[in-house]
Structure formats: C-alpha cells, structure tokens
Protein backbone atom coordinates (compact mmCIF):
# COMPACT_ATOMS: atom_id res chain seq x y z
CA MET A 1 17.19 41.77 -7.13
CA ALA A 2 14.53 39.34 -5.94
CA TYR A 3 15.64 35.77 -5.32
CA GLU A 4 14.28 33.25 -7.82
CA ILE A 5 13.99 29.59 -6.93
CA SER A 6 15.69 27.35 -9.46
CA LYS A 7 13.10 25.08 -11.04
CA LEU A 8 13.43 21.69 -12.71
CA ASP A 9 11.74 20.96 -16.02
CA TYR A 10 9.87 17.65 -15.88
CA SER A 11 9.24 15.85 -19.13
CA GLY A 12 7.42 12.84 -17.66
CA LYS A 13 4.22 12.21 -15.71
CA ILE A 14 3.01 9.52 -13.30
CA ARG A 15 0.01 7.65 -14.67
CA GLU A 16 -3.32 8.14 -12.97
CA ILE A 17 -4.83 4.91 -11.63
CA THR A 18 -8.40 4.44 -10.37
CA LEU A 19 -9.18 1.99 -7.56
CA GLY A 20 -12.69 0.79 -6.87
CA SER A 21 -15.82 1.93 -8.64
CA GLY A 22 -18.77 4.24 -8.13
CA ASP A 23 -18.90 7.41 -6.05
CA LYS A 24 -16.17 6.26 -3.63
CA ALA A 25 -13.62 5.30 -6.29
CA VAL A 26 -10.17 6.67 -5.53
CA LYS A 27 -7.68 8.11 -8.01
CA VAL A 28 -3.94 8.09 -7.34
CA GLY A 29 -1.00 9.36 -9.35
CA GLY A 30 -1.06 11.98 -12.05
CA ASP A 31 1.97 13.76 -10.56
CA THR A 32 4.02 16.06 -12.82
CA CYS A 33 6.71 16.87 -10.24
CA TYR A 34 8.70 15.34 -7.40
CA PRO A 35 6.71 14.69 -4.20
CA PHE A 36 5.22 17.98 -2.93
CA TYR A 37 7.43 20.13 -5.19
CA LEU A 38 4.29 22.05 -6.01
CA PHE A 39 6.27 25.12 -7.09
CA GLU A 40 7.43 23.05 -10.06
CA GLY A 41 4.40 20.98 -11.02
CA GLU A 42 1.16 19.41 -9.84
CA MET A 43 -0.08 16.56 -7.66
CA PRO A 44 -3.73 16.38 -8.75
CA ASN A 45 -4.36 13.43 -6.43
CA LEU A 46 -2.69 13.75 -3.04
CA PRO A 47 -1.28 10.55 -1.48
CA LYS A 48 -3.91 8.28 0.06
CA ILE A 49 -3.86 6.10 3.18
CA ALA A 50 -5.32 2.59 3.21
CA MET A 51 -6.21 1.23 6.65
CA GLU A 52 -5.26 -2.40 7.04
CA VAL A 53 -7.58 -5.19 8.15
CA TYR A 54 -6.49 -8.77 8.87
CA ASP A 55 -8.52 -11.79 7.78
CA TYR A 56 -8.08 -13.41 11.19
CA GLU A 57 -7.50 -12.22 14.75
CA PRO A 58 -3.76 -11.50 15.10
CA ASP A 59 -2.13 -12.83 18.26
CA ASP A 60 1.24 -11.12 18.01
CA TRP A 61 0.36 -7.42 17.81
CA ALA A 62 1.61 -4.81 20.24
CA GLU A 63 -1.02 -3.74 22.77
CA ALA A 64 -1.01 -0.22 21.33
CA ALA A 65 -2.02 -1.57 17.92
CA VAL A 66 -4.68 -3.87 19.35
CA GLU A 67 -6.39 -1.20 21.45
CA PRO A 68 -8.26 0.73 18.70
CA PHE A 69 -9.68 -2.47 17.17
CA LYS A 70 -10.05 -4.84 20.14
CA ASP A 71 -13.82 -5.07 19.70
CA VAL A 72 -13.60 -6.18 16.05
CA LEU A 73 -10.32 -8.09 15.69
CA GLY A 74 -12.09 -11.41 15.22
CA ASP A 75 -14.46 -10.14 12.52
CA PRO A 76 -12.84 -8.77 9.32
CA VAL A 77 -16.15 -7.34 8.05
CA ALA A 78 -16.83 -5.42 11.27
CA TRP A 79 -13.18 -4.34 11.35
CA ALA A 80 -13.36 -2.93 7.83
CA LYS A 81 -16.63 -1.14 8.60
CA LYS A 82 -15.12 0.42 11.73
CA CYS A 83 -12.18 1.71 9.71
CA VAL A 84 -14.58 3.38 7.28
CA ASP A 85 -17.33 4.54 9.64
CA GLU A 86 -15.28 5.56 12.68
CA TYR A 87 -11.88 6.46 11.25
CA GLY A 88 -12.92 7.71 7.82
CA ALA A 89 -10.81 5.30 5.77
CA GLU A 90 -10.76 6.07 2.04
CA LEU A 91 -9.21 2.70 1.23
CA ILE A 92 -9.03 -0.69 2.94
CA THR A 93 -6.18 -3.16 2.61
CA LEU A 94 -7.20 -6.70 3.53
CA GLN A 95 -4.11 -8.60 4.68
CA LEU A 96 -4.68 -12.29 3.89
CA ARG A 97 -2.22 -13.45 6.53
CA SER A 98 -4.27 -16.57 7.35
CA ILE A 99 -3.39 -18.25 4.04
CA ASP A 100 0.31 -18.52 4.87
CA PRO A 101 1.30 -22.21 4.48
CA ASN A 102 3.69 -21.72 7.39
CA GLY A 103 0.90 -20.33 9.54
CA LEU A 104 -2.83 -21.07 9.68
CA ASN A 105 -2.80 -22.26 6.05
CA ARG A 106 -6.49 -21.45 5.61
CA ASN A 107 -7.97 -23.08 2.50
CA SER A 108 -8.33 -20.91 -0.57
CA GLU A 109 -12.12 -21.04 -0.88
CA GLU A 110 -12.65 -19.95 2.71
CA ALA A 111 -10.08 -17.17 2.45
CA ALA A 112 -11.61 -15.91 -0.79
CA GLU A 113 -15.08 -15.91 0.77
CA ILE A 114 -13.85 -13.74 3.66
CA ALA A 115 -12.30 -11.32 1.18
CA VAL A 116 -15.49 -11.12 -0.88
CA ASN A 117 -17.53 -10.42 2.27
CA VAL A 118 -15.22 -7.55 3.22
CA ILE A 119 -15.24 -6.10 -0.31
CA ASN A 120 -19.05 -6.22 -0.42
CA ALA A 121 -19.44 -4.77 3.08
CA VAL A 122 -17.71 -1.43 2.44
CA ASP A 123 -18.25 1.20 -0.23
CA VAL A 124 -14.59 2.22 -0.48
CA PRO A 125 -11.97 0.52 -2.70
CA VAL A 126 -10.23 -2.57 -1.32
CA ILE A 127 -6.65 -3.75 -1.83
CA VAL A 128 -6.20 -7.48 -1.19
CA TRP A 129 -2.70 -8.44 -0.06
CA GLY A 130 -1.46 -12.03 -0.01
CA VAL A 131 1.61 -13.57 1.63
CA ALA A 132 4.06 -13.77 -1.31
CA ASN A 133 3.65 -17.54 -1.60
CA HIS A 134 3.18 -18.06 -5.33
CA GLU A 135 0.97 -21.13 -5.16
CA LYS A 136 -1.35 -19.90 -2.41
CA ASP A 137 -1.56 -16.31 -3.64
CA THR A 138 -2.39 -17.49 -7.15
CA GLU A 139 -5.22 -19.73 -5.93
CA VAL A 140 -6.79 -17.15 -3.62
CA LEU A 141 -6.34 -14.01 -5.70
CA ARG A 142 -7.73 -15.65 -8.84
CA LEU A 143 -10.82 -16.75 -6.91
CA ILE A 144 -11.31 -13.24 -5.53
CA ALA A 145 -10.83 -11.74 -8.99
CA GLU A 146 -13.58 -13.96 -10.40
CA LYS A 147 -16.03 -13.44 -7.53
CA CYS A 148 -15.57 -9.65 -7.57
CA GLU A 149 -15.69 -9.06 -11.31
CA GLY A 150 -15.89 -5.38 -12.22
CA LYS A 151 -15.26 -4.07 -8.69
CA ASN A 152 -11.76 -2.92 -9.66
CA VAL A 153 -10.05 -4.50 -6.64
CA ALA A 154 -6.25 -4.21 -6.34
CA LEU A 155 -4.63 -7.65 -6.14
CA GLY A 156 -1.15 -8.18 -4.75
CA PRO A 157 1.60 -8.85 -4.32
CA VAL A 158 2.11 -9.90 -7.94
CA GLU A 159 5.66 -11.14 -8.45
CA GLU A 160 7.67 -12.53 -11.35
CA GLY A 161 6.88 -16.07 -10.19
CA ASP A 162 3.11 -15.67 -10.43
CA TYR A 163 2.42 -12.63 -12.63
CA LYS A 164 1.01 -14.70 -15.52
CA GLN A 165 -1.63 -16.44 -13.44
CA ILE A 166 -2.71 -13.49 -11.29
CA GLY A 167 -2.30 -11.01 -14.13
CA ALA A 168 -4.55 -13.09 -16.38
CA GLY A 169 -7.24 -13.08 -13.71
CA ALA A 170 -6.95 -9.32 -13.30
CA ILE A 171 -7.30 -8.81 -17.05
CA ALA A 172 -10.29 -11.13 -17.35
CA TYR A 173 -12.22 -9.64 -14.45
CA LYS A 174 -11.06 -6.01 -14.69
CA HIS A 175 -8.90 -5.49 -11.62
CA VAL A 176 -5.68 -3.63 -10.70
CA VAL A 177 -2.44 -5.49 -9.90
CA VAL A 178 0.21 -4.60 -7.33
CA ALA A 179 3.54 -5.35 -9.01
CA SER A 180 5.98 -6.28 -6.24
CA SER A 181 9.76 -6.53 -6.55
CA PRO A 182 12.55 -6.81 -3.93
CA ILE A 183 13.95 -3.25 -3.54
CA ASP A 184 15.53 -3.08 -7.00
CA ILE A 185 14.60 -0.55 -9.67
CA ASN A 186 15.63 -2.81 -12.55
CA LEU A 187 13.53 -5.71 -11.27
CA ALA A 188 10.59 -3.34 -10.76
CA LYS A 189 10.87 -2.12 -14.35
CA GLN A 190 11.22 -5.67 -15.69
CA LEU A 191 8.06 -6.81 -13.90
CA ASN A 192 6.12 -3.83 -15.28
CA ILE A 193 7.29 -4.79 -18.77
CA LEU A 194 6.23 -8.41 -18.27
CA LEU A 195 2.79 -7.35 -17.06
CA GLY A 196 2.41 -5.01 -20.02
CA ASN A 197 3.41 -7.76 -22.43
CA LEU A 198 0.85 -10.05 -20.80
CA GLY A 199 -1.86 -7.50 -21.53
CA VAL A 200 -2.35 -5.73 -18.20
CA GLY A 201 -3.42 -2.16 -19.01
CA GLU A 202 -1.22 0.82 -18.22
CA ASP A 203 -4.03 2.12 -16.00
CA LYS A 204 -4.11 -1.11 -13.97
CA ILE A 205 -0.66 -1.28 -12.35
CA LEU A 206 0.54 -0.13 -8.92
CA VAL A 207 4.19 -0.61 -7.95
CA ASP A 208 5.26 -2.09 -4.60
CA PRO A 209 9.03 -1.58 -4.25
CA THR A 210 9.01 -3.60 -0.97
CA THR A 211 9.02 -1.48 2.15
CA GLY A 212 11.73 -1.42 4.78
CA SER A 213 10.87 -0.03 8.21
CA LEU A 214 12.76 2.70 10.02
CA GLY A 215 16.02 1.09 11.12
CA TYR A 216 15.35 -2.00 9.01
CA GLY A 217 16.14 -1.04 5.43
CA LEU A 218 14.14 2.16 5.05
CA GLU A 219 17.10 3.85 3.36
CA TYR A 220 17.21 1.16 0.66
CA THR A 221 13.49 1.52 -0.10
CA TYR A 222 13.82 5.31 -0.12
CA SER A 223 16.75 5.19 -2.54
CA VAL A 224 14.98 2.87 -4.98
CA MET A 225 11.79 4.96 -4.88
CA GLU A 226 13.80 8.14 -5.41
CA ARG A 227 15.52 6.66 -8.46
CA ASP A 228 12.16 5.43 -9.74
CA ARG A 229 10.64 8.92 -9.60
CA MET A 230 13.72 10.48 -11.20
CA ALA A 231 13.56 8.05 -14.12
CA ALA A 232 9.81 8.46 -14.49
CA LEU A 233 9.67 12.25 -14.33
CA THR A 234 12.96 13.48 -15.78
CA GLN A 235 14.06 10.64 -18.06
CA GLU A 236 10.62 9.78 -19.51
CA ASP A 237 10.93 6.10 -18.57
CA GLU A 238 7.37 4.98 -19.35
CA LYS A 239 7.84 1.63 -17.61
CA LEU A 240 8.33 3.35 -14.27
CA GLN A 241 5.56 5.94 -14.54
CA TYR A 242 3.20 4.13 -12.16
CA PRO A 243 1.90 5.09 -8.70
CA ILE A 244 3.75 3.53 -5.76
CA ILE A 245 2.16 1.69 -2.82
CA CYS A 246 4.01 0.96 0.44
CA ASN A 247 2.91 -1.64 3.01
CA VAL A 248 3.99 0.43 6.01
CA GLY A 249 1.90 -0.87 8.91
CA TYR A 250 2.86 -4.52 8.56
CA GLU A 251 6.57 -3.70 8.35
CA THR A 252 6.78 -1.15 11.16
CA TRP A 253 4.67 -2.87 13.79
CA LYS A 254 6.48 -6.22 13.52
CA VAL A 255 9.90 -4.92 14.62
CA LYS A 256 11.02 -5.24 18.23
CA GLU A 257 11.15 -1.49 18.82
CA SER A 258 7.40 -1.30 18.19
CA LYS A 259 6.51 -4.46 20.15
CA LEU A 260 8.70 -4.31 23.25
CA THR A 261 6.79 -3.21 26.36
CA GLU A 262 8.11 -0.61 28.80
CA GLU A 263 8.67 -3.38 31.34
CA GLU A 264 10.83 -5.30 28.87
CA GLU A 265 12.88 -2.26 27.85
CA PRO A 266 12.35 0.82 30.06
CA LYS A 267 14.99 2.84 28.21
CA LEU A 268 12.86 2.95 25.07
CA GLY A 269 10.13 4.96 26.80
CA ASP A 270 6.36 5.00 26.25
CA ALA A 271 5.51 1.91 24.17
CA LYS A 272 2.37 3.35 22.57
CA LYS A 273 4.00 6.62 21.54
CA ARG A 274 7.06 4.73 20.30
CA GLY A 275 5.04 2.43 18.03
CA ILE A 276 2.94 5.27 16.62
CA LEU A 277 6.01 7.38 15.87
CA PHE A 278 7.87 4.42 14.37
CA GLU A 279 5.04 3.97 11.88
CA SER A 280 4.67 7.71 11.30
CA VAL A 281 8.35 8.45 10.65
CA THR A 282 8.57 5.54 8.21
CA ALA A 283 5.40 6.68 6.42
CA MET A 284 6.53 10.30 6.21
CA SER A 285 9.90 9.29 4.77
CA LEU A 286 8.21 7.19 2.09
CA LEU A 287 5.83 10.02 1.22
CA LEU A 288 8.81 12.24 0.50
CA ALA A 289 10.33 9.48 -1.62
CA GLY A 290 7.22 9.27 -3.81
CA ALA A 291 4.60 6.99 -2.24
CA ASN A 292 1.08 7.47 -3.59
CA ILE A 293 -0.60 4.98 -1.24
CA LEU A 294 0.46 4.14 2.32
CA VAL A 295 -0.99 1.05 3.99
CA MET A 296 -1.10 1.95 7.68
CA ARG A 297 -2.36 0.48 10.95
CA HIS A 298 -2.77 2.85 13.90
CA PRO A 299 -5.40 5.63 13.73
CA GLU A 300 -3.10 8.06 15.55
CA SER A 301 -0.28 7.47 13.04
CA ILE A 302 -2.75 8.02 10.22
CA LYS A 303 -3.99 11.24 11.80
CA LEU A 304 -0.41 12.56 11.99
CA ILE A 305 0.36 11.67 8.39
CA LYS A 306 -2.88 13.16 7.05
CA LYS A 307 -2.01 16.38 8.85
CA MET A 308 1.45 16.36 7.26
CA ILE A 309 0.02 15.71 3.79
CA ASP A 310 -2.43 18.61 4.16
CA GLY A 311 0.32 20.88 5.45
CA LEU A 312 2.71 20.08 2.62
CA ALA A 313 -0.04 20.44 0.02
CA SER A 314 -1.06 23.86 1.34
CA GLY A 315 2.52 25.14 1.52
C-alpha cells in the first residue's frame, strides 16, 4: 500500500497586504498553510526581502557589511538606488537611526525630508523604521505620512505607547503600520485589536514580533511566531491573521560574533563568512517560523536566502 502523508486541515488564512503602489507594488501574505507546507495549502505570495538603508553613515558596522555599500554610505538616496538597481531589491527599509535621542538626535523635519527623498527616488515600496522612542517616532512618522500621502508606505515600529498618534496618521494618509510588540503573542494580539478599534484597516497591518538574533533570543522569537501562525491558521484567530515582518539585519550584525575581526578572535574564523552566515541562519529560521518579510543587510546573505526560498517553493 502506498504511503500517504498525513495532512492538516487549515480553517484560517493570513491576510494579504499590499505595500507601495503602481507596477512595483508588493503583496505579502495570503498563506493558507504553515510556512512552505505546500502539500497542504498555498503561499500565493512567497516571502519577500527588504534591503535596509540607513539615514546616516553608520560608524559601527563590521567591515564585511560596509564593503558592498562603501561608495554610498553617506547618501541614503544613492544607497537605496544601488540596492534596487544593482542588487534587485523588491523592497527598501529605511532605518531612521539618526533620530535616536541618545544618538545623533536629528531634528524631525530634517529626518522626514531624508525619508521623503528616498521614497521618491525609488520605484519599489519603502518601509520606514524608527527607533522605538515614542515621542520622536511619532513626530517623524506623522510628518512622513503626510508628505507621502497615497504612496502606501509602511510605518513602524508602532507600539502601544504611540499607536493612536501614528495610527491616525496612517489612516488619514493611507499607509500601512508595523505593529511591534516585545516577543509576546498576547501583547501582539492586543495591539492588533487596539489598531483595529482605532480604525486601521485589516489590510493595513504588518506584525513585528521583535526579532532575536541567532544566540540572542532567536528561540523566543521563533516560538512566538510559531504560536501566532498556529492560532491564525488552525484556530481561526482573526486578530493574528496578519503577515509578519522581521528586522533581521539590524539584530544580527550588531552582535559581537558578527563584528569581531579575525585578529580580535582568531578561533571564530573568517569574519566575512561568519557575519553572512549569522544573518542567513537567523533569516532562514524565521522564514520557517512564518516570516513574510525579512529586512536584511548583506547582499550575499540575501542571495543565499532567495535561493532557499526558491528551493522550498519548488519542492
């Protein structure tokens, strides 16, 4: 008798969300099965990768991460264009690290202007990511929302402490919000409920569960994402049926294992290969947990993950 694979019956579905507008708009979500369980359901929109761009020239990156972008690090517009034109980025994530009050503390108008210039310079969707400071994020993201009305930008992170202000701007100017909660499925669900009650549309929410890097909390993120997908797909929990975004590059390239040089720690081996694999292993793990968008940094890591996505999708 031929062996038959046991199959799970899914009663739920992940909502489909559109980012950007026009011919280069990107759709994510729509899944009717666990990640890549294509023998049980469908993934009409395979996971996407957003290449990250900083709004200022970072001075603490590992050499391996600097190398591919060393000619554009001081120019966010040129950086974003290089990601699209040279590396084929389908999405851009603009990291607004310069607005951090504990860092450069760039004023809101200037930061918003940089973001608008980047958004207008590329024809792919843009995700704008703040620094999780409620006051500064609210000021900057609301300005960007107003100046980019109708462009369907994704604004984040939106947290319980600022969801009313940023959410209202997203509603008024027709943008997507990135609902961010600290690695807790109940807090994630509660924030989605609050955004829905505020009036944010069900087709305008991405979920950021907060990403832990390999060796630095990855298992906690994985567990929460796994529970999220189980509730969404098998328990019909409508408040968790949203695509998931993970800010992988920022988390993986800031840890010591990715930044230590071979001279500082010879036992860890080739620094470039180590950093690329640290990002890639983290990204692959999160894909299997249910990520729909990965924000990544190094072109070689991205190449590896795209190859894995294609391989899994083709069986």
